[in-house]
Amino acid sequence: MRLPVRLVVATFALTGFMSACTAMSPAAEAPGLDGTAWVLSALPGHTLAADTTITLRFDAGRASGTDGCNRYSRPYSVKAGTLDFGPGGASTQMACPPEVMQRAAEYTSRLGAARSYRVEAGQLQLLGPDGNLLAALVPQPQGLAGTSWRVTGYNNGRQAVVSVLRDTNITMEFSNDGKVSGSAGCNQYSATFTSAGESLGFGPAATTRKMCAEPERIMEQEQQFLKALATVATARQEGDRLELRAGDGALAVSLAKAAAR
């Protein structure tokens, strides 16, 4: 039986519309990126170094992180699964070994080439114009319980973040029972901590009562570190780095992940 021309045209139109909807569904269902943080796990065509971490965080229209050498920040926009990293980015200007710089440049180039994304099995995949995989990232761990860190800098209470004195070691170990402990440089300390998302707070710290004479100013450093700890309101991890900030956003303590024992 022959169908009337109008009915045939309508049938084709409906079929095409349904096909288009089916093709568009994955993009429309792509989860939002705002407030998420990731660590690069694959850069097709390049081998990632075990001692270099590349990160990507999405926050209120701004993408930021480290490219393995320098910290970067640039705008981004998402609409129905499309992704665009816009111009107007900023970056620090540290020099690193040539292979690290080359990998960082390739990563940055691929961010600029990304046109869409998908999340599969918890992995973020950045895709090029033709759907080719540019980079794959896994979620950045945010929990502090069970982690160990060494302090690289602290706020001295005079609106300055200073490095830890040479030949001294300040550490932080977060246990699973809500306690933090470590060395304040001379004495051992311990305190309770509470965390929820990026919020972090410490209870009053208890310390041993030892006096150290060397190196010079070690006791002053210890007091300033413990005072900085009391001001902490938020924590943010990026790869093997951790930043603890006060309620006004000022950096209170910066840390690097401790080597595995």
C-alpha atoms as a PDB file:
ATOM      1  CA  MET A   1       0.000   0.000   0.000  1.00  0.00           C
ATOM      2  CA  ARG A   2       1.359   3.389  -0.992  1.00  0.00           C
ATOM      3  CA  LEU A   3       1.367   6.075   1.687  1.00  0.00           C
ATOM      4  CA  PRO A   4       0.195   9.580   0.815  1.00  0.00           C
ATOM      5  CA  VAL A   5       3.101  11.904   0.071  1.00  0.00           C
ATOM      6  CA  ARG A   6       2.339  14.128   3.081  1.00  0.00           C
ATOM      7  CA  LEU A   7       2.331  11.119   5.405  1.00  0.00           C
ATOM      8  CA  VAL A   8       5.657   9.867   4.022  1.00  0.00           C
ATOM      9  CA  VAL A   9       7.255  13.292   4.543  1.00  0.00           C
ATOM     10  CA  ALA A  10       5.858  13.504   8.086  1.00  0.00           C
ATOM     11  CA  THR A  11       7.166  10.017   8.866  1.00  0.00           C
ATOM     12  CA  PHE A  12      10.679  10.906   7.685  1.00  0.00           C
ATOM     13  CA  ALA A  13      10.561  14.172   9.620  1.00  0.00           C
ATOM     14  CA  LEU A  14       9.520  12.400  12.821  1.00  0.00           C
ATOM     15  CA  THR A  15      12.180   9.745  12.334  1.00  0.00           C
ATOM     16  CA  GLY A  16      14.839  12.411  11.812  1.00  0.00           C
ATOM     17  CA  PHE A  17      13.675  14.330  14.874  1.00  0.00           C
ATOM     18  CA  MET A  18      13.845  11.213  17.056  1.00  0.00           C
ATOM     19  CA  SER A  19      17.307  10.373  15.720  1.00  0.00           C
ATOM     20  CA  ALA A  20      18.533  13.886  16.477  1.00  0.00           C
ATOM     21  CA  CYS A  21      17.154  13.659  20.027  1.00  0.00           C
ATOM     22  CA  THR A  22      18.890  10.327  20.503  1.00  0.00           C
ATOM     23  CA  ALA A  23      22.208  11.758  19.270  1.00  0.00           C
ATOM     24  CA  MET A  24      21.901  14.786  21.526  1.00  0.00           C
ATOM     25  CA  SER A  25      21.001  12.896  24.704  1.00  0.00           C
ATOM     26  CA  PRO A  26      24.540  12.055  25.864  1.00  0.00           C
ATOM     27  CA  ALA A  27      25.598  15.724  25.654  1.00  0.00           C
ATOM     28  CA  ALA A  28      22.441  16.921  27.370  1.00  0.00           C
ATOM     29  CA  GLU A  29      22.953  14.403  30.165  1.00  0.00           C
ATOM     30  CA  ALA A  30      26.616  15.249  30.764  1.00  0.00           C
ATOM     31  CA  PRO A  31      27.046  16.084  34.471  1.00  0.00           C
ATOM     32  CA  GLY A  32      27.987  19.600  35.518  1.00  0.00           C
ATOM     33  CA  LEU A  33      31.618  20.436  36.179  1.00  0.00           C
ATOM     34  CA  ASP A  34      31.347  23.377  38.568  1.00  0.00           C
ATOM     35  CA  GLY A  35      32.831  22.544  41.958  1.00  0.00           C
ATOM     36  CA  THR A  36      34.692  19.442  40.761  1.00  0.00           C
ATOM     37  CA  ALA A  37      38.438  18.780  40.910  1.00  0.00           C
ATOM     38  CA  TRP A  38      40.500  16.329  38.848  1.00  0.00           C
ATOM     39  CA  VAL A  39      43.982  14.886  38.381  1.00  0.00           C
ATOM     40  CA  LEU A  40      45.336  14.061  34.908  1.00  0.00           C
ATOM     41  CA  SER A  41      45.570  10.308  34.393  1.00  0.00           C
ATOM     42  CA  ALA A  42      46.224  10.084  30.643  1.00  0.00           C
ATOM     43  CA  LEU A  43      47.456  12.358  27.869  1.00  0.00           C
ATOM     44  CA  PRO A  44      47.247  10.203  24.726  1.00  0.00           C
ATOM     45  CA  GLY A  45      50.582  10.111  22.928  1.00  0.00           C
ATOM     46  CA  HIS A  46      52.530  11.212  26.020  1.00  0.00           C
ATOM     47  CA  THR A  47      53.860   9.360  29.048  1.00  0.00           C
ATOM     48  CA  LEU A  48      53.057  10.939  32.394  1.00  0.00           C
ATOM     49  CA  ALA A  49      55.872  11.222  34.929  1.00  0.00           C
ATOM     50  CA  ALA A  50      55.282   9.631  38.324  1.00  0.00           C
ATOM     51  CA  ASP A  51      56.766  12.628  40.141  1.00  0.00           C
ATOM     52  CA  THR A  52      54.688  15.263  38.297  1.00  0.00           C
ATOM     53  CA  THR A  53      51.026  15.977  39.004  1.00  0.00           C
ATOM     54  CA  ILE A  54      48.734  17.913  36.652  1.00  0.00           C
ATOM     55  CA  THR A  55      45.403  19.099  38.048  1.00  0.00           C
ATOM     56  CA  LEU A  56      42.193  20.764  36.870  1.00  0.00           C
ATOM     57  CA  ARG A  57      39.541  22.404  39.061  1.00  0.00           C
ATOM     58  CA  PHE A  58      36.269  23.992  37.895  1.00  0.00           C
ATOM     59  CA  ASP A  59      34.878  26.759  40.059  1.00  0.00           C
ATOM     60  CA  ALA A  60      32.358  29.479  39.126  1.00  0.00           C
ATOM     61  CA  GLY A  61      33.400  29.821  35.482  1.00  0.00           C
ATOM     62  CA  ARG A  62      37.101  29.571  36.195  1.00  0.00           C
ATOM     63  CA  ALA A  63      39.367  26.578  35.544  1.00  0.00           C
ATOM     64  CA  SER A  64      42.581  26.398  37.561  1.00  0.00           C
ATOM     65  CA  GLY A  65      45.280  24.014  38.680  1.00  0.00           C
ATOM     66  CA  THR A  66      48.862  23.122  37.966  1.00  0.00           C
ATOM     67  CA  ASP A  67      50.243  22.029  34.592  1.00  0.00           C
ATOM     68  CA  GLY A  68      53.026  20.088  36.305  1.00  0.00           C
ATOM     69  CA  CYS A  69      55.291  23.124  36.487  1.00  0.00           C
ATOM     70  CA  ASN A  70      53.241  26.306  36.796  1.00  0.00           C
ATOM     71  CA  ARG A  71      49.894  27.210  38.295  1.00  0.00           C
ATOM     72  CA  TYR A  72      47.321  28.396  35.762  1.00  0.00           C
ATOM     73  CA  SER A  73      43.843  29.893  35.641  1.00  0.00           C
ATOM     74  CA  ARG A  74      41.544  30.519  32.687  1.00  0.00           C
ATOM     75  CA  PRO A  75      37.811  31.011  32.061  1.00  0.00           C
ATOM     76  CA  TYR A  76      35.602  28.187  30.861  1.00  0.00           C
ATOM     77  CA  SER A  77      31.999  27.736  29.773  1.00  0.00           C
ATOM     78  CA  VAL A  78      29.761  24.666  29.577  1.00  0.00           C
ATOM     79  CA  LYS A  79      26.492  24.293  27.692  1.00  0.00           C
ATOM     80  CA  ALA A  80      24.701  20.993  27.030  1.00  0.00           C
ATOM     81  CA  GLY A  81      27.888  18.967  27.112  1.00  0.00           C
ATOM     82  CA  THR A  82      29.974  21.419  25.080  1.00  0.00           C
ATOM     83  CA  LEU A  83      33.073  22.783  26.784  1.00  0.00           C
ATOM     84  CA  ASP A  84      35.158  25.804  25.930  1.00  0.00           C
ATOM     85  CA  PHE A  85      38.264  27.083  27.686  1.00  0.00           C
ATOM     86  CA  GLY A  86      38.375  30.732  26.742  1.00  0.00           C
ATOM     87  CA  PRO A  87      41.262  33.187  26.369  1.00  0.00           C
ATOM     88  CA  GLY A  88      42.339  35.534  29.126  1.00  0.00           C
ATOM     89  CA  GLY A  89      44.232  32.941  31.148  1.00  0.00           C
ATOM     90  CA  ALA A  90      47.042  33.578  33.609  1.00  0.00           C
ATOM     91  CA  SER A  91      49.995  31.482  34.700  1.00  0.00           C
ATOM     92  CA  THR A  92      53.026  31.649  36.932  1.00  0.00           C
ATOM     93  CA  GLN A  93      56.362  31.729  35.127  1.00  0.00           C
ATOM     94  CA  MET A  94      58.566  29.128  36.790  1.00  0.00           C
ATOM     95  CA  ALA A  95      61.185  27.288  34.739  1.00  0.00           C
ATOM     96  CA  CYS A  96      61.211  23.490  34.892  1.00  0.00           C
ATOM     97  CA  PRO A  97      63.167  20.709  33.139  1.00  0.00           C
ATOM     98  CA  PRO A  98      62.562  20.661  29.352  1.00  0.00           C
ATOM     99  CA  GLU A  99      60.497  17.449  29.399  1.00  0.00           C
ATOM    100  CA  VAL A 100      58.233  18.869  32.113  1.00  0.00           C
ATOM    101  CA  MET A 101      57.782  22.121  30.187  1.00  0.00           C
ATOM    102  CA  GLN A 102      56.993  20.210  26.991  1.00  0.00           C
ATOM    103  CA  ARG A 103      54.336  18.113  28.727  1.00  0.00           C
ATOM    104  CA  ALA A 104      52.851  21.210  30.366  1.00  0.00           C
ATOM    105  CA  ALA A 105      52.636  22.987  27.001  1.00  0.00           C
ATOM    106  CA  GLU A 106      50.938  19.967  25.412  1.00  0.00           C
ATOM    107  CA  TYR A 107      48.409  19.769  28.243  1.00  0.00           C
ATOM    108  CA  THR A 108      47.636  23.488  27.976  1.00  0.00           C
ATOM    109  CA  SER A 109      47.243  23.170  24.203  1.00  0.00           C
ATOM    110  CA  ARG A 110      44.745  20.350  24.620  1.00  0.00           C
ATOM    111  CA  LEU A 111      42.679  22.359  27.059  1.00  0.00           C
ATOM    112  CA  GLY A 112      42.368  25.015  24.385  1.00  0.00           C
ATOM    113  CA  ALA A 113      41.374  22.390  21.792  1.00  0.00           C
ATOM    114  CA  ALA A 114      38.641  20.789  23.931  1.00  0.00           C
ATOM    115  CA  ARG A 115      35.105  21.205  22.579  1.00  0.00           C
ATOM    116  CA  SER A 116      33.121  18.703  24.634  1.00  0.00           C
ATOM    117  CA  TYR A 117      33.429  16.257  27.491  1.00  0.00           C
ATOM    118  CA  ARG A 118      31.952  13.148  28.999  1.00  0.00           C
ATOM    119  CA  VAL A 119      32.210  11.382  32.345  1.00  0.00           C
ATOM    120  CA  GLU A 120      32.497   7.605  32.153  1.00  0.00           C
ATOM    121  CA  ALA A 121      33.123   5.314  35.133  1.00  0.00           C
ATOM    122  CA  GLY A 122      33.957   8.382  37.196  1.00  0.00           C
ATOM    123  CA  GLN A 123      36.596   9.555  34.702  1.00  0.00           C
ATOM    124  CA  LEU A 124      36.458  12.961  33.021  1.00  0.00           C
ATOM    125  CA  GLN A 125      37.318  12.804  29.322  1.00  0.00           C
ATOM    126  CA  LEU A 126      38.063  15.976  27.367  1.00  0.00           C
ATOM    127  CA  LEU A 127      37.207  15.607  23.677  1.00  0.00           C
ATOM    128  CA  GLY A 128      38.306  17.465  20.559  1.00  0.00           C
ATOM    129  CA  PRO A 129      36.115  18.791  17.703  1.00  0.00           C
ATOM    130  CA  ASP A 130      35.895  15.347  16.090  1.00  0.00           C
ATOM    131  CA  GLY A 131      35.264  13.552  19.380  1.00  0.00           C
ATOM    132  CA  ASN A 132      38.845  12.344  19.770  1.00  0.00           C
ATOM    133  CA  LEU A 133      40.156  11.891  23.305  1.00  0.00           C
ATOM    134  CA  LEU A 134      42.497  14.720  24.296  1.00  0.00           C
ATOM    135  CA  ALA A 135      42.953  14.008  27.993  1.00  0.00           C
ATOM    136  CA  ALA A 136      41.532  11.834  30.752  1.00  0.00           C
ATOM    137  CA  LEU A 137      41.340  12.789  34.413  1.00  0.00           C
ATOM    138  CA  VAL A 138      40.301  11.079  37.637  1.00  0.00           C
ATOM    139  CA  PRO A 139      38.677  12.755  40.669  1.00  0.00           C
ATOM    140  CA  GLN A 140      40.986  14.601  43.045  1.00  0.00           C
ATOM    141  CA  PRO A 141      40.801  12.966  46.496  1.00  0.00           C
ATOM    142  CA  GLN A 142      39.515  15.507  49.028  1.00  0.00           C
ATOM    143  CA  GLY A 143      39.364  13.558  52.287  1.00  0.00           C
ATOM    144  CA  LEU A 144      42.163  14.283  54.757  1.00  0.00           C
ATOM    145  CA  ALA A 145      41.692  11.320  57.080  1.00  0.00           C
ATOM    146  CA  GLY A 146      44.557   8.868  56.707  1.00  0.00           C
ATOM    147  CA  THR A 147      46.884  11.341  54.946  1.00  0.00           C
ATOM    148  CA  SER A 148      50.303  12.690  55.985  1.00  0.00           C
ATOM    149  CA  TRP A 149      51.895  16.015  55.031  1.00  0.00           C
ATOM    150  CA  ARG A 150      54.956  18.167  55.565  1.00  0.00           C
ATOM    151  CA  VAL A 151      54.580  21.908  55.987  1.00  0.00           C
ATOM    152  CA  THR A 152      56.316  24.027  53.335  1.00  0.00           C
ATOM    153  CA  GLY A 153      55.099  27.454  54.487  1.00  0.00           C
ATOM    154  CA  TYR A 154      53.001  29.154  57.159  1.00  0.00           C
ATOM    155  CA  ASN A 155      51.561  32.573  57.925  1.00  0.00           C
ATOM    156  CA  ASN A 156      53.779  34.318  60.474  1.00  0.00           C
ATOM    157  CA  GLY A 157      50.952  36.495  61.759  1.00  0.00           C
ATOM    158  CA  ARG A 158      52.357  39.596  60.080  1.00  0.00           C
ATOM    159  CA  GLN A 159      50.505  39.111  56.790  1.00  0.00           C
ATOM    160  CA  ALA A 160      53.339  37.105  55.286  1.00  0.00           C
ATOM    161  CA  VAL A 161      53.715  33.430  54.397  1.00  0.00           C
ATOM    162  CA  VAL A 162      57.251  32.262  55.150  1.00  0.00           C
ATOM    163  CA  SER A 163      59.121  29.056  54.432  1.00  0.00           C
ATOM    164  CA  VAL A 164      59.994  26.548  57.121  1.00  0.00           C
ATOM    165  CA  LEU A 165      63.427  27.107  58.649  1.00  0.00           C
ATOM    166  CA  ARG A 166      66.258  25.096  57.167  1.00  0.00           C
ATOM    167  CA  ASP A 167      66.998  21.850  59.033  1.00  0.00           C
ATOM    168  CA  THR A 168      63.570  21.833  60.682  1.00  0.00           C
ATOM    169  CA  ASN A 169      60.566  19.696  59.882  1.00  0.00           C
ATOM    170  CA  ILE A 170      56.893  20.484  60.578  1.00  0.00           C
ATOM    171  CA  THR A 171      54.463  17.676  59.881  1.00  0.00           C
ATOM    172  CA  MET A 172      50.727  16.945  59.943  1.00  0.00           C
ATOM    173  CA  GLU A 173      49.097  13.524  60.101  1.00  0.00           C
ATOM    174  CA  PHE A 174      45.317  13.246  59.891  1.00  0.00           C
ATOM    175  CA  SER A 175      44.001  10.093  61.524  1.00  0.00           C
ATOM    176  CA  ASN A 176      40.699   8.353  60.839  1.00  0.00           C
ATOM    177  CA  ASP A 177      39.417   9.158  64.339  1.00  0.00           C
ATOM    178  CA  GLY A 178      39.305  12.937  63.809  1.00  0.00           C
ATOM    179  CA  LYS A 179      42.693  13.808  65.257  1.00  0.00           C
ATOM    180  CA  VAL A 180      45.698  15.573  63.755  1.00  0.00           C
ATOM    181  CA  SER A 181      49.216  15.277  65.129  1.00  0.00           C
ATOM    182  CA  GLY A 182      52.841  15.778  64.199  1.00  0.00           C
ATOM    183  CA  SER A 183      55.957  17.767  64.875  1.00  0.00           C
ATOM    184  CA  ALA A 184      55.731  21.551  65.217  1.00  0.00           C
ATOM    185  CA  GLY A 185      59.489  21.771  64.631  1.00  0.00           C
ATOM    186  CA  CYS A 186      60.582  21.212  68.223  1.00  0.00           C
ATOM    187  CA  ASN A 187      57.619  19.797  70.120  1.00  0.00           C
ATOM    188  CA  GLN A 188      55.038  17.202  69.237  1.00  0.00           C
ATOM    189  CA  TYR A 189      51.460  18.468  69.021  1.00  0.00           C
ATOM    190  CA  SER A 190      47.974  17.027  68.678  1.00  0.00           C
ATOM    191  CA  ALA A 191      44.483  18.433  68.148  1.00  0.00           C
ATOM    192  CA  THR A 192      41.062  17.434  66.910  1.00  0.00           C
ATOM    193  CA  PHE A 193      39.808  18.387  63.461  1.00  0.00           C
ATOM    194  CA  THR A 194      36.434  18.537  61.766  1.00  0.00           C
ATOM    195  CA  SER A 195      35.918  18.681  58.017  1.00  0.00           C
ATOM    196  CA  ALA A 196      33.021  18.822  55.587  1.00  0.00           C
ATOM    197  CA  GLY A 197      33.707  19.438  51.912  1.00  0.00           C
ATOM    198  CA  GLU A 198      36.347  22.158  51.813  1.00  0.00           C
ATOM    199  CA  SER A 199      35.523  23.370  55.332  1.00  0.00           C
ATOM    200  CA  LEU A 200      38.134  22.490  57.962  1.00  0.00           C
ATOM    201  CA  GLY A 201      38.596  23.497  61.579  1.00  0.00           C
ATOM    202  CA  PHE A 202      41.009  22.536  64.364  1.00  0.00           C
ATOM    203  CA  GLY A 203      40.460  22.343  68.089  1.00  0.00           C
ATOM    204  CA  PRO A 204      43.024  23.734  70.594  1.00  0.00           C
ATOM    205  CA  ALA A 205      46.420  22.092  70.158  1.00  0.00           C
ATOM    206  CA  ALA A 206      48.201  20.296  73.007  1.00  0.00           C
ATOM    207  CA  THR A 207      52.004  20.134  72.842  1.00  0.00           C
ATOM    208  CA  THR A 208      54.934  18.657  74.686  1.00  0.00           C
ATOM    209  CA  ARG A 209      57.053  21.084  76.749  1.00  0.00           C
ATOM    210  CA  LYS A 210      60.521  20.767  75.271  1.00  0.00           C
ATOM    211  CA  MET A 211      62.726  23.814  74.590  1.00  0.00           C
ATOM    212  CA  CYS A 212      64.965  23.838  71.499  1.00  0.00           C
ATOM    213  CA  ALA A 213      67.854  26.271  71.011  1.00  0.00           C
ATOM    214  CA  GLU A 214      68.805  25.487  67.420  1.00  0.00           C
ATOM    215  CA  PRO A 215      68.345  26.521  64.783  1.00  0.00           C
ATOM    216  CA  GLU A 216      67.808  30.136  65.736  1.00  0.00           C
ATOM    217  CA  ARG A 217      64.130  31.182  65.939  1.00  0.00           C
ATOM    218  CA  ILE A 218      62.833  27.604  65.977  1.00  0.00           C
ATOM    219  CA  MET A 219      60.597  28.279  68.994  1.00  0.00           C
ATOM    220  CA  GLU A 220      59.228  31.420  67.341  1.00  0.00           C
ATOM    221  CA  GLN A 221      58.467  29.398  64.222  1.00  0.00           C
ATOM    222  CA  GLU A 222      56.640  26.800  66.291  1.00  0.00           C
ATOM    223  CA  GLN A 223      54.421  29.392  67.975  1.00  0.00           C
ATOM    224  CA  GLN A 224      53.594  31.072  64.668  1.00  0.00           C
ATOM    225  CA  PHE A 225      52.726  27.762  63.023  1.00  0.00           C
ATOM    226  CA  LEU A 226      50.356  26.758  65.846  1.00  0.00           C
ATOM    227  CA  LYS A 227      48.697  30.183  65.746  1.00  0.00           C
ATOM    228  CA  ALA A 228      48.256  29.883  61.970  1.00  0.00           C
ATOM    229  CA  LEU A 229      46.668  26.462  62.474  1.00  0.00           C
ATOM    230  CA  ALA A 230      44.049  27.966  64.770  1.00  0.00           C
ATOM    231  CA  THR A 231      42.900  30.348  61.996  1.00  0.00           C
ATOM    232  CA  VAL A 232      42.205  27.614  59.405  1.00  0.00           C
ATOM    233  CA  ALA A 233      38.685  27.556  57.953  1.00  0.00           C
ATOM    234  CA  THR A 234      39.089  25.766  54.599  1.00  0.00           C
ATOM    235  CA  ALA A 235      41.331  23.190  52.927  1.00  0.00           C
ATOM    236  CA  ARG A 236      41.993  22.530  49.259  1.00  0.00           C
ATOM    237  CA  GLN A 237      44.013  19.677  47.782  1.00  0.00           C
ATOM    238  CA  GLU A 238      45.614  19.792  44.352  1.00  0.00           C
ATOM    239  CA  GLY A 239      47.590  16.718  43.518  1.00  0.00           C
ATOM    240  CA  ASP A 240      50.288  16.365  46.168  1.00  0.00           C
ATOM    241  CA  ARG A 241      49.742  19.908  47.507  1.00  0.00           C
ATOM    242  CA  LEU A 242      47.437  21.090  50.275  1.00  0.00           C
ATOM    243  CA  GLU A 243      46.486  24.669  51.123  1.00  0.00           C
ATOM    244  CA  LEU A 244      44.859  25.591  54.438  1.00  0.00           C
ATOM    245  CA  ARG A 245      43.252  29.036  54.418  1.00  0.00           C
ATOM    246  CA  ALA A 246      41.755  31.350  57.014  1.00  0.00           C
ATOM    247  CA  GLY A 247      38.168  32.566  56.939  1.00  0.00           C
ATOM    248  CA  ASP A 248      39.166  35.679  54.981  1.00  0.00           C
ATOM    249  CA  GLY A 249      40.860  33.546  52.306  1.00  0.00           C
ATOM    250  CA  ALA A 250      44.418  34.292  53.426  1.00  0.00           C
ATOM    251  CA  LEU A 251      46.851  31.377  53.158  1.00  0.00           C
ATOM    252  CA  ALA A 252      47.509  29.998  56.632  1.00  0.00           C
ATOM    253  CA  VAL A 253      49.576  26.856  55.931  1.00  0.00           C
ATOM    254  CA  SER A 254      50.883  25.251  52.731  1.00  0.00           C
ATOM    255  CA  LEU A 255      51.865  21.591  52.671  1.00  0.00           C
ATOM    256  CA  ALA A 256      53.248  18.871  50.423  1.00  0.00           C
ATOM    257  CA  LYS A 257      52.286  15.221  50.693  1.00  0.00           C
ATOM    258  CA  ALA A 258      54.768  13.269  52.809  1.00  0.00           C
ATOM    259  CA  ALA A 259      56.734  10.500  51.142  1.00  0.00           C
ATOM    260  CA  ALA A 260      55.353   7.021  51.770  1.00  0.00           C
ATOM    261  CA  ARG A 261      57.148   5.208  54.551  1.00  0.00           C
END
